[in-house]
PDB file of N, CA and C in Angstrom:
ATOM      1  N   UNK A   1      25.713 103.871  42.625  1.00  0.00           N
ATOM      2  CA  UNK A   1      24.920 103.105  41.671  1.00  0.00           C
ATOM      3  C   UNK A   1      24.389 101.834  42.365  1.00  0.00           C
ATOM      4  N   UNK A   2      23.111 101.575  42.190  1.00  0.00           N
ATOM      5  CA  UNK A   2      22.509 100.381  42.771  1.00  0.00           C
ATOM      6  C   UNK A   2      23.068  99.130  42.108  1.00  0.00           C
ATOM      7  N   UNK A   3      23.187  98.061  42.915  1.00  0.00           N
ATOM      8  CA  UNK A   3      23.606  96.799  42.315  1.00  0.00           C
ATOM      9  C   UNK A   3      22.380  96.111  41.706  1.00  0.00           C
ATOM     10  N   UNK A   4      22.628  95.072  40.949  1.00  0.00           N
ATOM     11  CA  UNK A   4      21.546  94.397  40.217  1.00  0.00           C
ATOM     12  C   UNK A   4      20.475  93.831  41.140  1.00  0.00           C
ATOM     13  N   UNK A   5      20.888  93.268  42.272  1.00  0.00           N
ATOM     14  CA  UNK A   5      19.917  92.674  43.192  1.00  0.00           C
ATOM     15  C   UNK A   5      18.994  93.747  43.777  1.00  0.00           C
ATOM     16  N   UNK A   6      19.568  94.879  44.161  1.00  0.00           N
ATOM     17  CA  UNK A   6      18.759  95.973  44.703  1.00  0.00           C
ATOM     18  C   UNK A   6      17.829  96.552  43.642  1.00  0.00           C
ATOM     19  N   UNK A   7      18.349  96.739  42.452  1.00  0.00           N
ATOM     20  CA  UNK A   7      17.545  97.274  41.340  1.00  0.00           C
ATOM     21  C   UNK A   7      16.372  96.329  41.056  1.00  0.00           C
ATOM     22  N   UNK A   8      16.646  95.041  41.030  1.00  0.00           N
ATOM     23  CA  UNK A   8      15.608  94.047  40.749  1.00  0.00           C
ATOM     24  C   UNK A   8      14.535  94.067  41.832  1.00  0.00           C
ATOM     25  N   UNK A   9      14.936  94.234  43.087  1.00  0.00           N
ATOM     26  CA  UNK A   9      13.963  94.285  44.176  1.00  0.00           C
ATOM     27  C   UNK A   9      13.039  95.490  44.022  1.00  0.00           C
ATOM     28  N   UNK A  10      13.602  96.640  43.782  1.00  0.00           N
ATOM     29  CA  UNK A  10      12.787  97.845  43.640  1.00  0.00           C
ATOM     30  C   UNK A  10      11.924  97.774  42.376  1.00  0.00           C
ATOM     31  N   UNK A  11      12.460  97.208  41.312  1.00  0.00           N
ATOM     32  CA  UNK A  11      11.672  96.994  40.101  1.00  0.00           C
ATOM     33  C   UNK A  11      10.519  96.034  40.392  1.00  0.00           C
ATOM     34  N   UNK A  12      10.804  94.975  41.140  1.00  0.00           N
ATOM     35  CA  UNK A  12       9.775  94.012  41.515  1.00  0.00           C
ATOM     36  C   UNK A  12       8.671  94.635  42.343  1.00  0.00           C
ATOM     37  N   UNK A  13       9.039  95.547  43.236  1.00  0.00           N
ATOM     38  CA  UNK A  13       8.015  96.251  44.018  1.00  0.00           C
ATOM     39  C   UNK A  13       7.085  97.018  43.087  1.00  0.00           C
ATOM     40  N   UNK A  14       7.662  97.718  42.120  1.00  0.00           N
ATOM     41  CA  UNK A  14       6.844  98.468  41.170  1.00  0.00           C
ATOM     42  C   UNK A  14       5.975  97.570  40.317  1.00  0.00           C
ATOM     43  N   UNK A  15       6.540  96.478  39.838  1.00  0.00           N
ATOM     44  CA  UNK A  15       5.772  95.533  39.010  1.00  0.00           C
ATOM     45  C   UNK A  15       4.618  94.931  39.799  1.00  0.00           C
ATOM     46  N   UNK A  16       4.907  94.532  41.028  1.00  0.00           N
ATOM     47  CA  UNK A  16       3.876  93.922  41.867  1.00  0.00           C
ATOM     48  C   UNK A  16       2.750  94.921  42.147  1.00  0.00           C
ATOM     49  N   UNK A  17       3.133  96.134  42.490  1.00  0.00           N
ATOM     50  CA  UNK A  17       2.107  97.141  42.770  1.00  0.00           C
ATOM     51  C   UNK A  17       1.268  97.425  41.527  1.00  0.00           C
ATOM     52  N   UNK A  18       1.901  97.543  40.378  1.00  0.00           N
ATOM     53  CA  UNK A  18       1.159  97.796  39.138  1.00  0.00           C
ATOM     54  C   UNK A  18       0.160  96.684  38.844  1.00  0.00           C
ATOM     55  N   UNK A  19       0.533  95.451  39.160  1.00  0.00           N
ATOM     56  CA  UNK A  19      -0.342  94.316  38.869  1.00  0.00           C
ATOM     57  C   UNK A  19      -1.490  94.193  39.872  1.00  0.00           C
ATOM     58  N   UNK A  20      -1.222  94.489  41.145  1.00  0.00           N
ATOM     59  CA  UNK A  20      -2.207  94.194  42.183  1.00  0.00           C
ATOM     60  C   UNK A  20      -2.804  95.407  42.885  1.00  0.00           C
ATOM     61  N   UNK A  21      -2.097  96.531  42.882  1.00  0.00           N
ATOM     62  CA  UNK A  21      -2.547  97.746  43.583  1.00  0.00           C
ATOM     63  C   UNK A  21      -2.906  97.472  45.037  1.00  0.00           C
ATOM     64  N   UNK A  22      -2.072  96.667  45.691  1.00  0.00           N
ATOM     65  CA  UNK A  22      -2.264  96.356  47.108  1.00  0.00           C
ATOM     66  C   UNK A  22      -1.547  97.388  47.970  1.00  0.00           C
ATOM     67  N   UNK A  23      -1.782  97.319  49.279  1.00  0.00           N
ATOM     68  CA  UNK A  23      -1.108  98.225  50.195  1.00  0.00           C
ATOM     69  C   UNK A  23       0.360  97.820  50.378  1.00  0.00           C
ATOM     70  N   UNK A  24       1.092  98.620  51.133  1.00  0.00           N
ATOM     71  CA  UNK A  24       2.524  98.396  51.307  1.00  0.00           C
ATOM     72  C   UNK A  24       2.831  97.006  51.861  1.00  0.00           C
ATOM     73  N   UNK A  25       2.187  96.630  52.955  1.00  0.00           N
ATOM     74  CA  UNK A  25       2.476  95.339  53.592  1.00  0.00           C
ATOM     75  C   UNK A  25       2.200  94.170  52.648  1.00  0.00           C
ATOM     76  N   UNK A  26       1.106  94.232  51.921  1.00  0.00           N
ATOM     77  CA  UNK A  26       0.772  93.155  50.982  1.00  0.00           C
ATOM     78  C   UNK A  26       1.775  93.092  49.842  1.00  0.00           C
ATOM     79  N   UNK A  27       2.179  94.252  49.336  1.00  0.00           N
ATOM     80  CA  UNK A  27       3.158  94.301  48.246  1.00  0.00           C
ATOM     81  C   UNK A  27       4.492  93.737  48.719  1.00  0.00           C
ATOM     82  N   UNK A  28       4.944  94.155  49.905  1.00  0.00           N
ATOM     83  CA  UNK A  28       6.187  93.617  50.463  1.00  0.00           C
ATOM     84  C   UNK A  28       6.066  92.110  50.651  1.00  0.00           C
ATOM     85  N   UNK A  29       4.936  91.649  51.126  1.00  0.00           N
ATOM     86  CA  UNK A  29       4.735  90.215  51.334  1.00  0.00           C
ATOM     87  C   UNK A  29       4.852  89.423  50.048  1.00  0.00           C
ATOM     88  N   UNK A  30       4.232  89.920  48.989  1.00  0.00           N
ATOM     89  CA  UNK A  30       4.303  89.221  47.706  1.00  0.00           C
ATOM     90  C   UNK A  30       5.720  89.228  47.147  1.00  0.00           C
ATOM     91  N   UNK A  31       6.387  90.382  47.243  1.00  0.00           N
ATOM     92  CA  UNK A  31       7.747  90.494  46.727  1.00  0.00           C
ATOM     93  C   UNK A  31       8.706  89.618  47.532  1.00  0.00           C
ATOM     94  N   UNK A  32       8.575  89.632  48.850  1.00  0.00           N
ATOM     95  CA  UNK A  32       9.481  88.821  49.675  1.00  0.00           C
ATOM     96  C   UNK A  32       9.268  87.334  49.409  1.00  0.00           C
ATOM     97  N   UNK A  33       8.039  86.926  49.243  1.00  0.00           N
ATOM     98  CA  UNK A  33       7.749  85.524  48.967  1.00  0.00           C
ATOM     99  C   UNK A  33       8.344  85.070  47.639  1.00  0.00           C
ATOM    100  N   UNK A  34       8.203  85.898  46.625  1.00  0.00           N
ATOM    101  CA  UNK A  34       8.693  85.512  45.305  1.00  0.00           C
ATOM    102  C   UNK A  34      10.214  85.518  45.231  1.00  0.00           C
ATOM    103  N   UNK A  35      10.860  86.224  46.155  1.00  0.00           N
ATOM    104  CA  UNK A  35      12.325  86.299  46.149  1.00  0.00           C
ATOM    105  C   UNK A  35      12.959  85.500  47.281  1.00  0.00           C
ATOM    106  N   UNK A  36      12.137  84.745  47.975  1.00  0.00           N
ATOM    107  CA  UNK A  36      12.590  83.897  49.085  1.00  0.00           C
ATOM    108  C   UNK A  36      13.381  84.693  50.132  1.00  0.00           C
ATOM    109  N   UNK A  37      12.807  85.834  50.487  1.00  0.00           N
ATOM    110  CA  UNK A  37      13.365  86.693  51.526  1.00  0.00           C
ATOM    111  C   UNK A  37      12.257  86.981  52.522  1.00  0.00           C
ATOM    112  N   UNK A  38      12.608  87.353  53.729  1.00  0.00           N
ATOM    113  CA  UNK A  38      11.575  87.721  54.696  1.00  0.00           C
ATOM    114  C   UNK A  38      11.091  89.131  54.413  1.00  0.00           C
ATOM    115  N   UNK A  39       9.914  89.435  54.922  1.00  0.00           N
ATOM    116  CA  UNK A  39       9.383  90.794  54.773  1.00  0.00           C
ATOM    117  C   UNK A  39      10.322  91.798  55.439  1.00  0.00           C
ATOM    118  N   UNK A  40      10.881  91.425  56.582  1.00  0.00           N
ATOM    119  CA  UNK A  40      11.816  92.331  57.267  1.00  0.00           C
ATOM    120  C   UNK A  40      13.058  92.596  56.424  1.00  0.00           C
ATOM    121  N   UNK A  41      13.572  91.575  55.742  1.00  0.00           N
ATOM    122  CA  UNK A  41      14.739  91.776  54.867  1.00  0.00           C
ATOM    123  C   UNK A  41      14.416  92.751  53.740  1.00  0.00           C
ATOM    124  N   UNK A  42      13.238  92.582  53.155  1.00  0.00           N
ATOM    125  CA  UNK A  42      12.829  93.476  52.064  1.00  0.00           C
ATOM    126  C   UNK A  42      12.684  94.903  52.589  1.00  0.00           C
ATOM    127  N   UNK A  43      12.058  95.074  53.734  1.00  0.00           N
ATOM    128  CA  UNK A  43      11.890  96.411  54.313  1.00  0.00           C
ATOM    129  C   UNK A  43      13.236  97.040  54.639  1.00  0.00           C
ATOM    130  N   UNK A  44      14.146  96.265  55.193  1.00  0.00           N
ATOM    131  CA  UNK A  44      15.474  96.790  55.509  1.00  0.00           C
ATOM    132  C   UNK A  44      16.202  97.225  54.243  1.00  0.00           C
ATOM    133  N   UNK A  45      16.074  96.429  53.198  1.00  0.00           N
ATOM    134  CA  UNK A  45      16.710  96.787  51.927  1.00  0.00           C
ATOM    135  C   UNK A  45      16.090  98.056  51.357  1.00  0.00           C
ATOM    136  N   UNK A  46      14.784  98.168  51.401  1.00  0.00           N
ATOM    137  CA  UNK A  46      14.119  99.367  50.885  1.00  0.00           C
ATOM    138  C   UNK A  46      14.546 100.608  51.665  1.00  0.00           C
ATOM    139  N   UNK A  47      14.665 100.483  52.984  1.00  0.00           N
ATOM    140  CA  UNK A  47      15.105 101.615  53.802  1.00  0.00           C
ATOM    141  C   UNK A  47      16.544 101.998  53.456  1.00  0.00           C
ATOM    142  N   UNK A  48      17.388 100.999  53.289  1.00  0.00           N
ATOM    143  CA  UNK A  48      18.790 101.266  52.938  1.00  0.00           C
ATOM    144  C   UNK A  48      18.883 101.947  51.573  1.00  0.00           C
ATOM    145  N   UNK A  49      18.112 101.464  50.617  1.00  0.00           N
ATOM    146  CA  UNK A  49      18.137 102.060  49.277  1.00  0.00           C
ATOM    147  C   UNK A  49      17.722 103.525  49.322  1.00  0.00           C
ATOM    148  N   UNK A  50      16.716 103.816  50.111  1.00  0.00           N
ATOM    149  CA  UNK A  50      16.269 105.207  50.211  1.00  0.00           C
ATOM    150  C   UNK A  50      17.369 106.086  50.800  1.00  0.00           C
ATOM    151  N   UNK A  51      18.041 105.574  51.833  1.00  0.00           N
ATOM    152  CA  UNK A  51      19.111 106.354  52.464  1.00  0.00           C
ATOM    153  C   UNK A  51      20.301 106.544  51.523  1.00  0.00           C
ATOM    154  N   UNK A  52      20.689 105.477  50.829  1.00  0.00           N
ATOM    155  CA  UNK A  52      21.878 105.523  49.980  1.00  0.00           C
ATOM    156  C   UNK A  52      21.639 106.192  48.627  1.00  0.00           C
ATOM    157  N   UNK A  53      20.443 106.019  48.078  1.00  0.00           N
ATOM    158  CA  UNK A  53      20.210 106.434  46.693  1.00  0.00           C
ATOM    159  C   UNK A  53      19.023 107.383  46.519  1.00  0.00           C
ATOM    160  N   UNK A  54      18.532 107.942  47.609  1.00  0.00           N
ATOM    161  CA  UNK A  54      17.334 108.785  47.555  1.00  0.00           C
ATOM    162  C   UNK A  54      17.378 109.895  46.522  1.00  0.00           C
ATOM    163  N   UNK A  55      18.565 110.394  46.215  1.00  0.00           N
ATOM    164  CA  UNK A  55      18.686 111.488  45.235  1.00  0.00           C
ATOM    165  C   UNK A  55      19.092 110.998  43.851  1.00  0.00           C
ATOM    166  N   UNK A  56      19.323 109.724  43.726  1.00  0.00           N
ATOM    167  CA  UNK A  56      19.755 109.138  42.457  1.00  0.00           C
ATOM    168  C   UNK A  56      18.575 109.091  41.475  1.00  0.00           C
ATOM    169  N   UNK A  57      18.747 109.572  40.249  1.00  0.00           N
ATOM    170  CA  UNK A  57      17.642 109.577  39.279  1.00  0.00           C
ATOM    171  C   UNK A  57      17.062 108.180  39.006  1.00  0.00           C
ATOM    172  N   UNK A  58      17.910 107.170  38.956  1.00  0.00           N
ATOM    173  CA  UNK A  58      17.399 105.811  38.715  1.00  0.00           C
ATOM    174  C   UNK A  58      16.513 105.375  39.880  1.00  0.00           C
ATOM    175  N   UNK A  59      16.976 105.604  41.093  1.00  0.00           N
ATOM    176  CA  UNK A  59      16.165 105.258  42.265  1.00  0.00           C
ATOM    177  C   UNK A  59      14.843 106.013  42.226  1.00  0.00           C
ATOM    178  N   UNK A  60      14.899 107.299  41.962  1.00  0.00           N
ATOM    179  CA  UNK A  60      13.690 108.116  41.940  1.00  0.00           C
ATOM    180  C   UNK A  60      12.694 107.628  40.892  1.00  0.00           C
ATOM    181  N   UNK A  61      13.190 107.204  39.738  1.00  0.00           N
ATOM    182  CA  UNK A  61      12.298 106.688  38.691  1.00  0.00           C
ATOM    183  C   UNK A  61      11.637 105.390  39.135  1.00  0.00           C
ATOM    184  N   UNK A  62      12.407 104.498  39.732  1.00  0.00           N
ATOM    185  CA  UNK A  62      11.843 103.232  40.196  1.00  0.00           C
ATOM    186  C   UNK A  62      10.891 103.455  41.369  1.00  0.00           C
ATOM    187  N   UNK A  63      11.271 104.323  42.273  1.00  0.00           N
ATOM    188  CA  UNK A  63      10.435 104.627  43.436  1.00  0.00           C
ATOM    189  C   UNK A  63       9.159 105.337  43.003  1.00  0.00           C
ATOM    190  N   UNK A  64       9.244 106.085  41.933  1.00  0.00           N
ATOM    191  CA  UNK A  64       8.085 106.818  41.425  1.00  0.00           C
ATOM    192  C   UNK A  64       6.966 105.925  40.923  1.00  0.00           C
ATOM    193  N   UNK A  65       7.249 104.656  40.737  1.00  0.00           N
ATOM    194  CA  UNK A  65       6.205 103.705  40.315  1.00  0.00           C
ATOM    195  C   UNK A  65       5.344 103.268  41.481  1.00  0.00           C
ATOM    196  N   UNK A  66       5.736 103.648  42.693  1.00  0.00           N
ATOM    197  CA  UNK A  66       5.026 103.241  43.905  1.00  0.00           C
ATOM    198  C   UNK A  66       4.305 104.448  44.514  1.00  0.00           C
ATOM    199  N   UNK A  67       3.241 104.207  45.260  1.00  0.00           N
ATOM    200  CA  UNK A  67       2.531 105.320  45.891  1.00  0.00           C
ATOM    201  C   UNK A  67       3.416 106.099  46.867  1.00  0.00           C
ATOM    202  N   UNK A  68       3.215 107.379  46.923  1.00  0.00           N
ATOM    203  CA  UNK A  68       4.000 108.240  47.822  1.00  0.00           C
ATOM    204  C   UNK A  68       3.819 107.836  49.283  1.00  0.00           C
ATOM    205  N   UNK A  69       2.681 107.263  49.629  1.00  0.00           N
ATOM    206  CA  UNK A  69       2.437 106.888  51.022  1.00  0.00           C
ATOM    207  C   UNK A  69       3.204 105.624  51.448  1.00  0.00           C
ATOM    208  N   UNK A  70       3.775 104.902  50.513  1.00  0.00           N
ATOM    209  CA  UNK A  70       4.633 103.779  50.899  1.00  0.00           C
ATOM    210  C   UNK A  70       5.819 104.357  51.667  1.00  0.00           C
ATOM    211  N   UNK A  71       6.177 103.780  52.808  1.00  0.00           N
ATOM    212  CA  UNK A  71       7.157 104.427  53.687  1.00  0.00           C
ATOM    213  C   UNK A  71       8.597 104.464  53.173  1.00  0.00           C
ATOM    214  N   UNK A  72       8.955 103.654  52.196  1.00  0.00           N
ATOM    215  CA  UNK A  72      10.345 103.659  51.728  1.00  0.00           C
ATOM    216  C   UNK A  72      10.401 103.990  50.256  1.00  0.00           C
TER     217      UNK A  72
END
């Protein structure tokens, strides 16, 4: 089960993309800025979430809000 911080990050990615429809790098940049994290930290977290929770229905629902071409 994802922790609250991870869930909030992935939710934030979806919210940001829905609002702006920017590419992956721009979306990560906006999310990292609003959460006072580096883009690399956000990318590392997204990669970890995919590895740990890729088959989890909650992860899949949150990830489904983002374009398939986003790498994580």
